[in-house]
Amino acid sequence: MLMLGFEGFMGLLKIVLMALAAFGLFDAAFRREDAFRAAGKQTKVFWLVILGIALVVSYLFSILSILPIAGAVASIVYLVDVRPAVKALTGGNRGGWGRGRGKGRGGSSSDGPYGPYNGGR
């Protein structure tokens, strides 16, 4: 009975690690190449290869081996270090997932629905 619970937990952990690598891979695929260089990080191709390998390794190997753990570390490094730096250079979602959605583009915090708020002038 205890073994079934452990196997279920390990299966769930495997799915989480695969989702983490897949999210990082798709996010890196939609970011601009020059933003990686401007942020002082490795190239876009490097991260696509690393995250792709992490996804394949987490699918093929048992979670208790060293390769999926290394893939999880690579995915976490991308999501915690590289993604925020690249996202800051591209202006948040611009150049990434949310291209051309309308409202969330540009402007400042003092903009109203019909333009900039001038404070009663």
N, C-alpha and C. Protein backbone atom coordinates (compact mmCIF):
# COMPACT_ATOMS: atom_id res chain seq x y z
N MET A 1 0.82 -1.18 0.00
CA MET A 1 0.00 0.00 0.00
C MET A 1 0.87 1.26 0.00
N LEU A 2 1.88 1.25 0.83
CA LEU A 2 2.78 2.40 0.90
C LEU A 2 3.54 2.59 -0.40
N MET A 3 3.88 1.49 -1.06
CA MET A 3 4.61 1.55 -2.32
C MET A 3 3.75 2.18 -3.41
N LEU A 4 2.46 1.93 -3.43
CA LEU A 4 1.57 2.53 -4.41
C LEU A 4 1.50 4.04 -4.23
N GLY A 5 1.47 4.49 -3.01
CA GLY A 5 1.46 5.92 -2.73
C GLY A 5 2.77 6.58 -3.16
N PHE A 6 3.87 5.89 -2.93
CA PHE A 6 5.18 6.42 -3.34
C PHE A 6 5.28 6.50 -4.86
N GLU A 7 4.81 5.47 -5.55
CA GLU A 7 4.83 5.48 -7.00
C GLU A 7 3.94 6.57 -7.57
N GLY A 8 2.80 6.80 -6.94
CA GLY A 8 1.92 7.87 -7.38
C GLY A 8 2.55 9.23 -7.19
N PHE A 9 3.23 9.42 -6.07
CA PHE A 9 3.92 10.68 -5.81
C PHE A 9 5.05 10.89 -6.81
N MET A 10 5.80 9.85 -7.09
CA MET A 10 6.91 9.97 -8.04
C MET A 10 6.40 10.24 -9.46
N GLY A 11 5.28 9.63 -9.81
CA GLY A 11 4.68 9.90 -11.12
C GLY A 11 4.22 11.36 -11.23
N LEU A 12 3.63 11.87 -10.17
CA LEU A 12 3.20 13.26 -10.14
C LEU A 12 4.40 14.21 -10.21
N LEU A 13 5.46 13.87 -9.51
CA LEU A 13 6.67 14.68 -9.55
C LEU A 13 7.30 14.68 -10.94
N LYS A 14 7.23 13.54 -11.61
CA LYS A 14 7.75 13.43 -12.97
C LYS A 14 6.96 14.34 -13.92
N ILE A 15 5.66 14.37 -13.77
CA ILE A 15 4.81 15.23 -14.60
C ILE A 15 5.11 16.70 -14.33
N VAL A 16 5.32 17.05 -13.08
CA VAL A 16 5.64 18.44 -12.72
C VAL A 16 6.97 18.85 -13.35
N LEU A 17 7.98 17.99 -13.29
CA LEU A 17 9.28 18.30 -13.88
C LEU A 17 9.19 18.42 -15.39
N MET A 18 8.38 17.58 -16.02
CA MET A 18 8.19 17.69 -17.46
C MET A 18 7.48 18.99 -17.82
N ALA A 19 6.50 19.37 -17.04
CA ALA A 19 5.78 20.62 -17.30
C ALA A 19 6.69 21.83 -17.10
N LEU A 20 7.55 21.76 -16.12
CA LEU A 20 8.51 22.84 -15.87
C LEU A 20 9.46 23.01 -17.05
N ALA A 21 9.99 21.90 -17.55
CA ALA A 21 10.90 21.96 -18.70
C ALA A 21 10.16 22.39 -19.96
N ALA A 22 8.93 21.92 -20.14
CA ALA A 22 8.15 22.29 -21.33
C ALA A 22 7.81 23.77 -21.32
N PHE A 23 7.42 24.31 -20.16
CA PHE A 23 7.12 25.73 -20.07
C PHE A 23 8.36 26.56 -20.37
N GLY A 24 9.50 26.18 -19.80
CA GLY A 24 10.74 26.90 -20.08
C GLY A 24 11.12 26.83 -21.55
N LEU A 25 10.93 25.67 -22.17
CA LEU A 25 11.26 25.50 -23.58
C LEU A 25 10.38 26.38 -24.47
N PHE A 26 9.10 26.38 -24.24
CA PHE A 26 8.20 27.20 -25.05
C PHE A 26 8.40 28.69 -24.80
N ASP A 27 8.68 29.04 -23.55
CA ASP A 27 8.94 30.44 -23.24
C ASP A 27 10.21 30.93 -23.94
N ALA A 28 11.26 30.12 -23.89
CA ALA A 28 12.51 30.50 -24.55
C ALA A 28 12.34 30.56 -26.06
N ALA A 29 11.50 29.71 -26.61
CA ALA A 29 11.29 29.70 -28.06
C ALA A 29 10.64 30.99 -28.55
N PHE A 30 9.83 31.63 -27.72
CA PHE A 30 9.12 32.83 -28.13
C PHE A 30 9.82 34.12 -27.72
N ARG A 31 10.96 34.03 -27.06
CA ARG A 31 11.73 35.23 -26.71
C ARG A 31 12.66 35.60 -27.84
N ARG A 32 13.05 36.88 -27.90
CA ARG A 32 13.94 37.36 -28.95
C ARG A 32 15.38 36.95 -28.66
N GLU A 33 16.12 36.63 -29.72
CA GLU A 33 17.53 36.21 -29.59
C GLU A 33 18.40 37.31 -29.02
N ASP A 34 18.22 38.53 -29.47
CA ASP A 34 19.08 39.62 -29.02
C ASP A 34 18.86 39.97 -27.55
N ALA A 35 17.71 39.64 -27.00
CA ALA A 35 17.47 39.90 -25.58
C ALA A 35 18.33 39.01 -24.69
N PHE A 36 18.60 37.80 -25.13
CA PHE A 36 19.46 36.90 -24.36
C PHE A 36 20.88 37.47 -24.30
N ARG A 37 21.37 37.95 -25.43
CA ARG A 37 22.72 38.54 -25.46
C ARG A 37 22.77 39.84 -24.67
N ALA A 38 21.73 40.66 -24.78
CA ALA A 38 21.71 41.93 -24.06
C ALA A 38 21.64 41.73 -22.54
N ALA A 39 21.01 40.66 -22.11
CA ALA A 39 20.92 40.37 -20.68
C ALA A 39 22.20 39.74 -20.13
N GLY A 40 23.13 39.40 -21.02
CA GLY A 40 24.38 38.80 -20.57
C GLY A 40 24.23 37.32 -20.23
N LYS A 41 23.23 36.68 -20.81
CA LYS A 41 22.99 35.26 -20.56
C LYS A 41 23.48 34.46 -21.76
N GLN A 42 23.40 33.15 -21.67
CA GLN A 42 23.75 32.30 -22.81
C GLN A 42 22.78 32.57 -23.96
N THR A 43 23.09 32.06 -25.12
CA THR A 43 22.27 32.33 -26.30
C THR A 43 20.93 31.60 -26.22
N LYS A 44 20.03 32.02 -27.07
CA LYS A 44 18.70 31.40 -27.14
C LYS A 44 18.82 29.94 -27.55
N VAL A 45 19.69 29.65 -28.52
CA VAL A 45 19.86 28.27 -28.99
C VAL A 45 20.37 27.39 -27.86
N PHE A 46 21.30 27.90 -27.05
CA PHE A 46 21.81 27.15 -25.91
C PHE A 46 20.68 26.74 -24.98
N TRP A 47 19.83 27.71 -24.63
CA TRP A 47 18.74 27.41 -23.70
C TRP A 47 17.68 26.51 -24.32
N LEU A 48 17.45 26.64 -25.61
CA LEU A 48 16.51 25.74 -26.27
C LEU A 48 17.02 24.30 -26.24
N VAL A 49 18.31 24.13 -26.48
CA VAL A 49 18.90 22.78 -26.45
C VAL A 49 18.86 22.21 -25.03
N ILE A 50 19.28 23.00 -24.06
CA ILE A 50 19.32 22.53 -22.67
C ILE A 50 17.92 22.16 -22.18
N LEU A 51 16.95 23.03 -22.43
CA LEU A 51 15.59 22.77 -21.96
C LEU A 51 14.93 21.62 -22.74
N GLY A 52 15.26 21.48 -24.02
CA GLY A 52 14.77 20.34 -24.79
C GLY A 52 15.31 19.02 -24.26
N ILE A 53 16.60 19.01 -23.95
CA ILE A 53 17.21 17.81 -23.36
C ILE A 53 16.59 17.52 -22.00
N ALA A 54 16.35 18.57 -21.22
CA ALA A 54 15.73 18.39 -19.89
C ALA A 54 14.35 17.77 -20.02
N LEU A 55 13.59 18.19 -21.02
CA LEU A 55 12.25 17.63 -21.23
C LEU A 55 12.33 16.16 -21.63
N VAL A 56 13.20 15.83 -22.56
CA VAL A 56 13.33 14.44 -23.02
C VAL A 56 13.84 13.54 -21.89
N VAL A 57 14.82 14.03 -21.15
CA VAL A 57 15.41 13.23 -20.06
C VAL A 57 14.38 13.00 -18.95
N SER A 58 13.59 14.02 -18.64
CA SER A 58 12.59 13.84 -17.59
C SER A 58 11.49 12.87 -18.02
N TYR A 59 11.28 12.74 -19.32
CA TYR A 59 10.30 11.77 -19.82
C TYR A 59 10.86 10.35 -19.84
N LEU A 60 12.11 10.20 -20.25
CA LEU A 60 12.67 8.87 -20.47
C LEU A 60 13.19 8.19 -19.21
N PHE A 61 13.75 8.94 -18.29
CA PHE A 61 14.45 8.33 -17.15
C PHE A 61 13.62 8.43 -15.87
N SER A 62 13.95 7.55 -14.94
CA SER A 62 13.32 7.57 -13.63
C SER A 62 13.73 8.83 -12.88
N ILE A 63 12.83 9.33 -12.08
CA ILE A 63 13.07 10.57 -11.35
C ILE A 63 14.20 10.39 -10.31
N LEU A 64 14.50 9.17 -9.96
CA LEU A 64 15.54 8.93 -8.96
C LEU A 64 16.94 8.92 -9.55
N SER A 65 17.08 9.01 -10.86
CA SER A 65 18.42 9.07 -11.47
C SER A 65 18.90 10.52 -11.53
N ILE A 66 20.16 10.70 -11.87
CA ILE A 66 20.78 12.02 -11.82
C ILE A 66 20.36 12.92 -12.99
N LEU A 67 20.06 12.35 -14.15
CA LEU A 67 19.76 13.16 -15.32
C LEU A 67 18.48 14.00 -15.18
N PRO A 68 17.36 13.45 -14.70
CA PRO A 68 16.19 14.31 -14.51
C PRO A 68 16.40 15.38 -13.45
N ILE A 69 17.23 15.10 -12.47
CA ILE A 69 17.53 16.10 -11.45
C ILE A 69 18.34 17.24 -12.07
N ALA A 70 19.30 16.91 -12.92
CA ALA A 70 20.07 17.94 -13.63
C ALA A 70 19.16 18.75 -14.55
N GLY A 71 18.21 18.09 -15.21
CA GLY A 71 17.25 18.79 -16.06
C GLY A 71 16.36 19.72 -15.25
N ALA A 72 15.96 19.29 -14.07
CA ALA A 72 15.14 20.14 -13.20
C ALA A 72 15.92 21.37 -12.76
N VAL A 73 17.20 21.18 -12.45
CA VAL A 73 18.04 22.32 -12.06
C VAL A 73 18.17 23.30 -13.22
N ALA A 74 18.38 22.78 -14.42
CA ALA A 74 18.49 23.66 -15.60
C ALA A 74 17.19 24.42 -15.84
N SER A 75 16.05 23.75 -15.69
CA SER A 75 14.76 24.41 -15.87
C SER A 75 14.54 25.49 -14.83
N ILE A 76 14.91 25.21 -13.60
CA ILE A 76 14.74 26.19 -12.52
C ILE A 76 15.67 27.38 -12.73
N VAL A 77 16.89 27.14 -13.18
CA VAL A 77 17.81 28.24 -13.46
C VAL A 77 17.25 29.13 -14.55
N TYR A 78 16.69 28.53 -15.60
CA TYR A 78 16.09 29.34 -16.66
C TYR A 78 14.94 30.17 -16.13
N LEU A 79 14.04 29.55 -15.38
CA LEU A 79 12.84 30.25 -14.92
C LEU A 79 13.11 31.30 -13.85
N VAL A 80 14.14 31.08 -13.04
CA VAL A 80 14.41 32.01 -11.94
C VAL A 80 15.42 33.09 -12.32
N ASP A 81 16.37 32.78 -13.19
CA ASP A 81 17.44 33.72 -13.50
C ASP A 81 17.33 34.31 -14.91
N VAL A 82 17.25 33.46 -15.90
CA VAL A 82 17.32 33.92 -17.29
C VAL A 82 16.01 34.57 -17.73
N ARG A 83 14.88 33.93 -17.47
CA ARG A 83 13.59 34.45 -17.93
C ARG A 83 13.29 35.85 -17.41
N PRO A 84 13.47 36.14 -16.11
CA PRO A 84 13.20 37.51 -15.66
C PRO A 84 14.11 38.56 -16.30
N ALA A 85 15.38 38.21 -16.52
CA ALA A 85 16.31 39.16 -17.14
C ALA A 85 15.93 39.44 -18.59
N VAL A 86 15.56 38.41 -19.32
CA VAL A 86 15.18 38.58 -20.72
C VAL A 86 13.83 39.29 -20.80
N LYS A 87 12.92 38.95 -19.90
CA LYS A 87 11.59 39.57 -19.89
C LYS A 87 11.68 41.06 -19.57
N ALA A 88 12.59 41.44 -18.69
CA ALA A 88 12.75 42.86 -18.35
C ALA A 88 13.27 43.66 -19.53
N LEU A 89 14.11 43.05 -20.34
CA LEU A 89 14.66 43.76 -21.50
C LEU A 89 13.66 43.88 -22.65
N THR A 90 12.74 42.94 -22.73
CA THR A 90 11.77 42.99 -23.82
C THR A 90 10.50 43.71 -23.41
N GLY A 91 10.48 44.35 -22.26
CA GLY A 91 9.29 45.09 -21.84
C GLY A 91 8.16 44.20 -21.39
N GLY A 92 8.45 43.23 -20.55
CA GLY A 92 7.40 42.34 -20.06
C GLY A 92 7.01 41.32 -21.09
N ASN A 93 5.76 41.36 -21.54
CA ASN A 93 5.28 40.37 -22.50
C ASN A 93 5.57 40.74 -23.94
N ARG A 94 5.93 41.98 -24.21
CA ARG A 94 6.21 42.35 -25.60
C ARG A 94 7.37 41.55 -26.12
N GLY A 95 7.20 40.97 -27.29
CA GLY A 95 8.24 40.12 -27.86
C GLY A 95 8.18 38.71 -27.32
N GLY A 96 7.21 38.43 -26.47
CA GLY A 96 7.08 37.10 -25.89
C GLY A 96 5.72 36.52 -26.17
N TRP A 97 5.10 35.98 -25.15
CA TRP A 97 3.84 35.27 -25.30
C TRP A 97 2.69 36.20 -25.67
N GLY A 98 2.60 37.39 -25.10
CA GLY A 98 1.41 38.20 -25.23
C GLY A 98 1.48 39.26 -26.30
N ARG A 99 2.06 38.97 -27.43
CA ARG A 99 2.19 39.97 -28.50
C ARG A 99 0.84 40.39 -29.01
N GLY A 100 0.65 41.72 -29.13
CA GLY A 100 -0.50 42.26 -29.80
C GLY A 100 -1.83 42.05 -29.10
N ARG A 101 -1.86 42.08 -27.80
CA ARG A 101 -3.12 41.88 -27.10
C ARG A 101 -3.87 43.18 -26.86
N GLY A 102 -3.27 44.29 -27.18
CA GLY A 102 -4.02 45.55 -27.03
C GLY A 102 -3.69 46.26 -25.75
N LYS A 103 -4.51 46.09 -24.71
CA LYS A 103 -4.46 46.95 -23.54
C LYS A 103 -3.14 46.94 -22.80
N GLY A 104 -2.51 45.86 -22.52
CA GLY A 104 -1.33 45.84 -21.68
C GLY A 104 -0.07 46.36 -22.33
N ARG A 105 -0.17 47.17 -23.36
CA ARG A 105 1.01 47.58 -24.13
C ARG A 105 1.39 49.00 -23.81
N GLY A 106 2.58 49.18 -23.28
CA GLY A 106 3.14 50.52 -23.09
C GLY A 106 2.38 51.34 -22.09
N GLY A 107 2.61 52.67 -22.14
CA GLY A 107 1.92 53.57 -21.23
C GLY A 107 2.58 53.64 -19.88
N SER A 108 2.03 54.51 -19.04
CA SER A 108 2.56 54.62 -17.68
C SER A 108 1.45 54.33 -16.69
N SER A 109 1.81 54.37 -15.41
CA SER A 109 0.81 54.07 -14.39
C SER A 109 -0.19 55.20 -14.23
N SER A 110 0.10 56.38 -14.79
CA SER A 110 -0.84 57.50 -14.66
C SER A 110 -1.76 57.62 -15.87
N ASP A 111 -1.72 56.68 -16.77
CA ASP A 111 -2.61 56.72 -17.93
C ASP A 111 -4.01 56.28 -17.53
N GLY A 112 -5.00 57.01 -18.04
CA GLY A 112 -6.38 56.64 -17.83
C GLY A 112 -6.89 55.88 -19.03
N PRO A 113 -8.19 55.59 -19.08
CA PRO A 113 -8.72 54.83 -20.20
C PRO A 113 -8.71 55.60 -21.51
N TYR A 114 -8.64 56.96 -21.45
CA TYR A 114 -8.67 57.76 -22.67
C TYR A 114 -7.38 58.52 -22.91
N GLY A 115 -6.33 58.20 -22.21
CA GLY A 115 -5.05 58.87 -22.38
C GLY A 115 -4.42 59.21 -21.05
N PRO A 116 -3.36 60.02 -21.08
CA PRO A 116 -2.67 60.35 -19.83
C PRO A 116 -3.51 61.24 -18.93
N TYR A 117 -3.40 60.98 -17.64
CA TYR A 117 -4.10 61.78 -16.64
C TYR A 117 -3.19 62.96 -16.28
N ASN A 118 -3.67 64.19 -16.46
CA ASN A 118 -2.85 65.37 -16.24
C ASN A 118 -3.10 66.03 -14.90
N GLY A 119 -3.89 65.47 -14.05
CA GLY A 119 -4.10 66.01 -12.72
C GLY A 119 -4.97 67.26 -12.68
N GLY A 120 -5.93 67.40 -13.57
CA GLY A 120 -6.88 68.51 -13.54
C GLY A 120 -6.43 69.73 -14.32
N ARG A 121 -5.38 69.65 -15.06
CA ARG A 121 -4.93 70.79 -15.85
C ARG A 121 -5.67 70.90 -17.14
